[in-house]
Amino acid sequence: MPIPVPPNARGQIAYHPYDCMTLACLCPFFAGRMQGGHCVLSNGAILQMAYRKEYRMLTEDERNRWHNALTTLKLNGEYDRLGRIHFEVGCSGAKSARTAQDKFDDVILTSWMDNVGTGSGAHSGPGFLPWHREFLKRFEIALRMVDPSVAIPYWDSVMDGYLPDPRDSMLFSNLFAGETDFYGNVIQGPFAYWRTLEGRSTILRNLGREGSLINENQVNNVVAQNTIENVLAYTAPQIVAQNTIENVLAYTAPQIGCPFPNNYGAIEYIHSNVHLWVGGDMKPPSTSANEPLFYMHHSFVDYLWELWRQLKQPRWLREVVGKLFKKSLFVSLISLTYYLKF
């Protein structure tokens, strides 16, 4: 069992790096030491904040590091162990062989939303955004323990929607997410022949057969903006225009039998259409984490949520508004900031 972080790490004791919410807590797991408010690694480098860029805006070195870190996690089994957590919340009642850490993660990522009335809490309810934020945080920590310079890039699918046929996007080239054969099997690129959780020999994609990418109807308004903030805001105006945290969290996809009407402009619906558009493993929640695009897509969804928060909430409100909710762990997730402080 890992040695717990000492209590003087801002009062937090953690037995696993995924549990950390502060730099002081996380630093010892990287074999670093806190010095002047920074985490100094054993090689003398400072552990920098995770800075998420659009996938295609990465430098060649950054892209290679991202791919290599993913491959390392895949080879050592941590990629699949974390993916199995999403499998569990996406498969009603499905259980697989799990370690003690898996069971602990169940407590943190599943049971904490049991009483909210939305099943696992990961989908079809107000837990959708914060649950996936915490999930991304844990995945990103795993990556950074392989290579501290890595962060999860985001996939801005709005850009691909401008193409006559988004399936021709450079995203699906061997430099990025890889190419498929006639049947949709990913057989070229950095994720070629990745065995899935179900034991299939390749990741499967069926691009463009259903669903849609996140789109922008007011292209002229986007082009006319002078700041990156406005450009990003226009990618999903119906989301960032909401005025209360309750609306942003509640505007989601209801489960079957929910008495409230659907809102197809909800961020979860918008996000789900991209899952459908990629198809294959990305389509059902039970297998979507097989696909590395899953993490990059959710990084973009999380970015949109954070954009709303930055526009509509002062920092003090972001830290205290979670107190409206009864679940203390839910409160802590609501309070997370987009850029992790490490």
Protein backbone atom coordinates (compact mmCIF):
# COMPACT_ATOMS: atom_id res chain seq x y z
CA MET A 1 0.00 0.00 0.00
CA PRO A 2 1.39 3.46 -0.87
CA ILE A 3 2.64 5.62 1.98
CA PRO A 4 -0.01 8.24 2.82
CA VAL A 5 0.77 11.87 2.17
CA PRO A 6 1.47 13.59 5.52
CA PRO A 7 -1.31 15.64 7.11
CA ASN A 8 0.62 18.90 6.64
CA ALA A 9 -0.12 18.70 2.90
CA ARG A 10 -2.91 21.24 3.37
CA GLY A 11 -4.64 18.85 5.71
CA GLN A 12 -5.17 16.14 3.10
CA ILE A 13 -4.15 12.52 3.54
CA ALA A 14 -4.11 10.44 0.35
CA TYR A 15 -3.17 6.82 -0.22
CA HIS A 16 -3.25 7.19 -4.01
CA PRO A 17 -2.36 10.13 -6.29
CA TYR A 18 -5.84 10.05 -7.86
CA ASP A 19 -7.27 11.14 -4.51
CA CYS A 20 -5.26 14.38 -4.45
CA MET A 21 -6.93 17.74 -4.91
CA THR A 22 -3.86 19.93 -4.31
CA LEU A 23 -0.32 20.21 -5.59
CA ALA A 24 1.10 19.67 -2.10
CA CYS A 25 -0.75 16.36 -1.87
CA LEU A 26 0.28 15.22 -5.33
CA CYS A 27 3.96 16.19 -5.26
CA PRO A 28 5.28 13.26 -3.13
CA PHE A 29 3.70 10.76 -5.52
CA PHE A 30 5.93 12.24 -8.25
CA ALA A 31 8.96 11.79 -5.98
CA GLY A 32 9.12 15.56 -5.76
CA ARG A 33 9.45 18.06 -2.95
CA MET A 34 7.54 21.27 -2.30
CA GLN A 35 9.74 24.35 -2.52
CA GLY A 36 8.49 27.92 -2.67
CA GLY A 37 5.00 26.81 -3.64
CA HIS A 38 6.30 24.65 -6.49
CA CYS A 39 6.74 20.90 -6.83
CA VAL A 40 10.38 20.29 -7.72
CA LEU A 41 10.93 16.88 -9.33
CA SER A 42 13.97 14.68 -8.74
CA ASN A 43 15.55 15.92 -11.98
CA GLY A 44 15.23 19.53 -10.82
CA ALA A 45 12.35 20.36 -13.15
CA ILE A 46 9.20 22.02 -11.80
CA LEU A 47 5.94 20.12 -12.19
CA GLN A 48 3.94 22.52 -14.33
CA MET A 49 0.19 23.01 -14.55
CA ALA A 50 -1.55 20.67 -16.98
CA TYR A 51 -2.23 22.84 -20.04
CA ARG A 52 -4.79 21.33 -22.41
CA LYS A 53 -4.50 22.26 -26.09
CA GLU A 54 -6.54 21.33 -29.15
CA TYR A 55 -5.19 17.99 -30.40
CA ARG A 56 -4.09 19.39 -33.76
CA MET A 57 -2.41 22.39 -32.14
CA LEU A 58 0.11 20.21 -30.32
CA THR A 59 3.69 20.41 -31.51
CA GLU A 60 5.11 17.24 -33.00
CA ASP A 61 6.99 16.57 -29.77
CA GLU A 62 3.88 17.18 -27.65
CA ARG A 63 1.80 14.91 -29.87
CA ASN A 64 4.38 12.13 -29.70
CA ARG A 65 4.58 12.45 -25.91
CA TRP A 66 0.77 12.22 -25.69
CA HIS A 67 0.70 9.11 -27.86
CA ASN A 68 3.62 7.53 -26.00
CA ALA A 69 2.04 8.17 -22.59
CA LEU A 70 -1.23 6.62 -23.77
CA THR A 71 0.62 3.60 -25.13
CA THR A 72 2.48 3.16 -21.84
CA LEU A 73 -0.81 3.21 -19.90
CA LYS A 74 -2.26 0.71 -22.35
CA LEU A 75 0.70 -1.63 -21.98
CA ASN A 76 0.85 -1.46 -18.18
CA GLY A 77 -2.91 -2.03 -17.84
CA GLU A 78 -3.84 1.29 -16.24
CA TYR A 79 -5.64 2.51 -19.37
CA ASP A 80 -7.96 -0.49 -19.23
CA ARG A 81 -8.36 -0.33 -15.46
CA LEU A 82 -9.57 3.26 -15.66
CA GLY A 83 -11.67 2.48 -18.73
CA ARG A 84 -13.37 -0.30 -16.80
CA ILE A 85 -14.67 2.29 -14.34
CA HIS A 86 -16.57 3.99 -17.16
CA PHE A 87 -17.66 0.56 -18.37
CA GLU A 88 -19.17 -0.12 -14.94
CA VAL A 89 -21.23 3.07 -14.89
CA GLY A 90 -22.24 2.60 -18.53
CA CYS A 91 -23.38 -1.01 -18.09
CA SER A 92 -26.30 -1.50 -15.73
CA GLY A 93 -25.29 -4.16 -13.25
CA ALA A 94 -22.24 -5.22 -15.25
CA LYS A 95 -19.32 -6.27 -13.10
CA SER A 96 -15.87 -7.43 -14.05
CA ALA A 97 -12.74 -8.55 -12.24
CA ARG A 98 -11.69 -5.63 -10.08
CA THR A 99 -8.78 -4.76 -7.84
CA ALA A 100 -8.90 -3.07 -4.45
CA GLN A 101 -8.21 0.25 -6.18
CA ASP A 102 -11.13 -0.40 -8.56
CA LYS A 103 -13.42 -0.91 -5.59
CA PHE A 104 -12.16 2.27 -3.96
CA ASP A 105 -12.77 4.18 -7.19
CA ASP A 106 -16.30 2.75 -7.22
CA VAL A 107 -16.90 4.44 -3.88
CA ILE A 108 -15.53 7.74 -5.13
CA LEU A 109 -16.91 7.78 -8.67
CA THR A 110 -20.11 5.75 -8.47
CA SER A 111 -21.65 5.47 -5.02
CA TRP A 112 -21.39 9.17 -4.25
CA MET A 113 -24.27 9.92 -6.64
CA ASP A 114 -26.51 6.96 -5.78
CA ASN A 115 -29.17 9.11 -4.13
CA VAL A 116 -29.37 11.83 -6.76
CA GLY A 117 -31.89 9.78 -8.70
CA THR A 118 -29.86 9.35 -11.87
CA GLY A 119 -28.50 5.84 -11.68
CA SER A 120 -24.73 5.84 -11.50
CA GLY A 121 -24.57 9.65 -11.61
CA ALA A 122 -22.17 9.61 -14.56
CA HIS A 123 -24.89 10.05 -17.18
CA SER A 124 -28.43 11.42 -17.53
CA GLY A 125 -28.34 13.79 -14.60
CA PRO A 126 -26.59 16.68 -12.87
CA GLY A 127 -23.55 14.52 -12.12
CA PHE A 128 -22.63 14.22 -15.81
CA LEU A 129 -20.23 17.17 -15.96
CA PRO A 130 -18.54 16.90 -12.53
CA TRP A 131 -18.30 13.09 -12.68
CA HIS A 132 -16.46 13.20 -15.98
CA ARG A 133 -14.29 16.06 -14.74
CA GLU A 134 -13.08 13.93 -11.84
CA PHE A 135 -12.64 10.98 -14.19
CA LEU A 136 -10.50 13.09 -16.54
CA LYS A 137 -8.48 14.34 -13.58
CA ARG A 138 -7.58 10.80 -12.58
CA PHE A 139 -6.73 9.81 -16.14
CA GLU A 140 -4.57 12.90 -16.53
CA ILE A 141 -2.68 12.17 -13.32
CA ALA A 142 -1.98 8.65 -14.62
CA LEU A 143 -0.60 10.13 -17.84
CA ARG A 144 1.54 12.68 -16.01
CA MET A 145 3.06 10.00 -13.80
CA VAL A 146 4.37 8.54 -17.06
CA ASP A 147 5.38 11.91 -18.51
CA PRO A 148 4.86 15.03 -16.33
CA SER A 149 4.76 17.25 -19.42
CA VAL A 150 1.59 15.64 -20.81
CA ALA A 151 -1.97 16.95 -20.53
CA ILE A 152 -5.17 15.65 -22.15
CA PRO A 153 -5.65 17.54 -25.42
CA TYR A 154 -9.19 18.37 -26.47
CA TRP A 155 -10.87 17.55 -29.76
CA ASP A 156 -12.77 20.58 -31.05
CA SER A 157 -15.15 18.77 -33.39
CA VAL A 158 -16.63 22.11 -34.47
CA MET A 159 -13.66 22.51 -36.80
CA ASP A 160 -14.32 19.19 -38.50
CA GLY A 161 -17.94 20.14 -39.07
CA TYR A 162 -16.81 22.85 -41.50
CA LEU A 163 -15.44 20.23 -43.91
CA PRO A 164 -17.57 18.98 -46.83
CA ASP A 165 -17.09 15.51 -45.34
CA PRO A 166 -15.78 15.49 -41.74
CA ARG A 167 -14.63 11.90 -42.22
CA ASP A 168 -11.82 13.35 -44.35
CA SER A 169 -10.47 15.33 -41.40
CA MET A 170 -6.75 15.09 -40.69
CA LEU A 171 -7.85 13.92 -37.24
CA PHE A 172 -8.39 10.49 -38.76
CA SER A 173 -4.93 10.28 -40.30
CA ASN A 174 -2.02 8.25 -39.04
CA LEU A 175 -0.43 11.34 -37.50
CA PHE A 176 -3.37 11.67 -35.13
CA ALA A 177 -6.15 9.20 -34.26
CA GLY A 178 -5.33 6.72 -37.01
CA GLU A 179 -7.06 5.14 -39.99
CA THR A 180 -9.50 2.25 -40.25
CA ASP A 181 -10.07 -0.56 -42.70
CA PHE A 182 -13.29 -1.00 -44.69
CA TYR A 183 -15.00 -2.49 -41.64
CA GLY A 184 -14.06 0.33 -39.27
CA ASN A 185 -11.23 -1.43 -37.44
CA VAL A 186 -8.43 0.94 -36.39
CA ILE A 187 -5.43 -0.74 -38.03
CA GLN A 188 -3.08 2.21 -38.61
CA GLY A 189 -1.78 5.04 -36.46
CA PRO A 190 -0.82 5.30 -32.78
CA PHE A 191 -3.82 3.26 -31.58
CA ALA A 192 -3.66 0.48 -34.15
CA TYR A 193 -4.60 -2.98 -32.90
CA TRP A 194 -5.41 -1.87 -29.37
CA ARG A 195 -7.21 -4.77 -27.71
CA THR A 196 -10.48 -3.60 -26.15
CA LEU A 197 -11.96 -4.38 -22.76
CA GLU A 198 -14.22 -6.93 -24.43
CA GLY A 199 -11.23 -8.72 -25.97
CA ARG A 200 -11.67 -7.51 -29.56
CA SER A 201 -8.34 -7.06 -31.38
CA THR A 202 -8.99 -3.49 -32.55
CA ILE A 203 -10.88 -0.33 -31.66
CA LEU A 204 -13.95 0.05 -33.89
CA ARG A 205 -15.22 3.25 -35.56
CA ASN A 206 -18.17 3.85 -37.90
CA LEU A 207 -17.69 7.50 -38.77
CA GLY A 208 -20.65 9.61 -39.80
CA ARG A 209 -23.35 6.94 -39.94
CA GLU A 210 -25.49 8.67 -37.31
CA GLY A 211 -25.32 11.53 -34.85
CA SER A 212 -23.50 14.76 -35.60
CA LEU A 213 -20.47 16.76 -34.61
CA ILE A 214 -20.78 19.85 -32.45
CA ASN A 215 -21.69 22.49 -35.02
CA GLU A 216 -21.91 26.25 -35.37
CA ASN A 217 -24.81 27.83 -37.21
CA GLN A 218 -23.52 31.36 -36.90
CA VAL A 219 -20.20 30.90 -38.65
CA ASN A 220 -20.06 34.55 -39.63
CA ASN A 221 -20.43 35.61 -36.02
CA VAL A 222 -17.54 33.35 -35.05
CA VAL A 223 -15.29 34.74 -37.76
CA ALA A 224 -16.18 38.30 -36.79
CA GLN A 225 -15.07 37.94 -33.17
CA ASN A 226 -11.82 39.57 -32.11
CA THR A 227 -11.05 37.43 -29.07
CA ILE A 228 -10.59 33.72 -28.54
CA GLU A 229 -13.09 33.90 -25.68
CA ASN A 230 -15.86 34.97 -28.02
CA VAL A 231 -14.90 32.40 -30.65
CA LEU A 232 -15.12 29.63 -28.11
CA ALA A 233 -18.36 30.99 -26.66
CA TYR A 234 -20.02 30.84 -30.05
CA THR A 235 -19.31 27.13 -30.40
CA ALA A 236 -22.16 26.41 -27.99
CA PRO A 237 -24.07 29.64 -27.24
CA GLN A 238 -27.06 27.86 -25.76
CA ILE A 239 -24.79 26.42 -23.06
CA VAL A 240 -22.78 29.45 -22.03
CA ALA A 241 -25.89 31.66 -22.11
CA GLN A 242 -27.36 29.93 -19.06
CA ASN A 243 -27.37 32.14 -15.98
CA THR A 244 -27.41 29.65 -13.12
CA ILE A 245 -25.37 26.61 -12.16
CA GLU A 246 -28.62 24.70 -11.64
CA ASN A 247 -29.56 25.19 -15.30
CA VAL A 248 -26.16 24.17 -16.62
CA LEU A 249 -26.13 20.99 -14.54
CA ALA A 250 -29.82 20.19 -14.95
CA TYR A 251 -29.91 20.68 -18.72
CA THR A 252 -28.97 17.12 -19.45
CA ALA A 253 -30.33 13.96 -20.97
CA PRO A 254 -33.07 12.41 -18.79
CA GLN A 255 -33.33 8.69 -18.29
CA ILE A 256 -36.24 6.68 -19.69
CA GLY A 257 -39.38 7.43 -17.69
CA CYS A 258 -38.24 10.86 -16.52
CA PRO A 259 -41.37 13.09 -16.36
CA PHE A 260 -39.53 16.21 -17.50
CA PRO A 261 -39.35 17.16 -21.21
CA ASN A 262 -36.12 16.69 -23.14
CA ASN A 263 -33.93 19.67 -23.94
CA TYR A 264 -31.99 18.78 -27.06
CA GLY A 265 -29.78 21.84 -26.65
CA ALA A 266 -28.39 20.36 -23.44
CA ILE A 267 -24.66 19.88 -23.25
CA GLU A 268 -25.07 16.14 -22.64
CA TYR A 269 -27.16 15.76 -25.81
CA ILE A 270 -24.61 17.76 -27.80
CA HIS A 271 -21.85 15.59 -26.40
CA SER A 272 -23.78 12.37 -27.11
CA ASN A 273 -24.22 13.22 -30.79
CA VAL A 274 -20.45 13.15 -31.20
CA HIS A 275 -20.31 9.70 -29.58
CA LEU A 276 -22.91 8.55 -32.12
CA TRP A 277 -21.06 10.19 -35.02
CA VAL A 278 -17.79 8.38 -34.23
CA GLY A 279 -19.76 5.19 -33.68
CA GLY A 280 -18.25 1.81 -32.97
CA ASP A 281 -16.73 1.71 -29.51
CA MET A 282 -17.56 5.38 -28.91
CA LYS A 283 -21.30 4.81 -29.33
CA PRO A 284 -22.34 3.03 -26.09
CA PRO A 285 -21.08 4.29 -22.70
CA SER A 286 -20.06 0.74 -21.82
CA THR A 287 -17.30 0.69 -24.47
CA SER A 288 -16.58 4.36 -25.20
CA ALA A 289 -13.47 4.51 -23.00
CA ASN A 290 -11.79 1.96 -25.29
CA GLU A 291 -11.36 4.84 -27.71
CA PRO A 292 -8.71 7.53 -26.97
CA LEU A 293 -10.98 10.03 -28.76
CA PHE A 294 -13.31 9.61 -25.76
CA TYR A 295 -10.89 11.45 -23.49
CA MET A 296 -10.19 14.19 -26.02
CA HIS A 297 -13.90 14.69 -26.69
CA HIS A 298 -14.67 14.93 -22.99
CA SER A 299 -11.78 17.32 -22.53
CA PHE A 300 -13.60 19.63 -24.98
CA VAL A 301 -16.94 19.17 -23.20
CA ASP A 302 -15.23 20.02 -19.93
CA TYR A 303 -13.72 23.07 -21.59
CA LEU A 304 -17.18 24.29 -22.63
CA TRP A 305 -18.42 23.87 -19.06
CA GLU A 306 -15.44 25.75 -17.70
CA LEU A 307 -15.97 28.47 -20.28
CA TRP A 308 -19.49 28.95 -18.93
CA ARG A 309 -18.21 29.00 -15.36
CA GLN A 310 -15.57 31.59 -16.14
CA LEU A 311 -18.12 33.80 -17.90
CA LYS A 312 -21.01 33.47 -15.48
CA GLN A 313 -19.51 32.84 -12.05
CA PRO A 314 -17.01 34.88 -10.05
CA ARG A 315 -14.37 32.72 -8.42
CA TRP A 316 -15.89 32.99 -4.94
CA LEU A 317 -19.22 31.71 -6.29
CA ARG A 318 -17.55 28.78 -8.03
CA GLU A 319 -16.12 27.73 -4.67
CA VAL A 320 -19.31 27.96 -2.60
CA VAL A 321 -22.25 27.26 -4.90
CA GLY A 322 -21.82 23.52 -4.43
CA LYS A 323 -23.09 23.92 -0.87
CA LEU A 324 -26.57 23.99 -2.34
CA PHE A 325 -26.18 20.26 -2.83
CA LYS A 326 -26.41 17.71 -0.06
CA LYS A 327 -23.62 15.38 -1.12
CA SER A 328 -20.33 16.60 0.30
CA LEU A 329 -18.26 14.84 -2.36
CA PHE A 330 -20.50 16.30 -5.05
CA VAL A 331 -19.67 19.70 -3.54
CA SER A 332 -15.95 19.06 -3.87
CA LEU A 333 -16.32 18.09 -7.52
CA ILE A 334 -18.41 21.15 -8.32
CA SER A 335 -15.61 23.26 -6.86
CA LEU A 336 -12.87 21.80 -9.08
CA THR A 337 -11.29 24.28 -11.49
CA TYR A 338 -10.64 23.41 -15.11
CA TYR A 339 -6.88 23.79 -14.93
CA LEU A 340 -5.65 21.44 -12.23
CA LYS A 341 -3.25 23.17 -9.89
CA PHE A 342 -0.21 21.04 -10.62
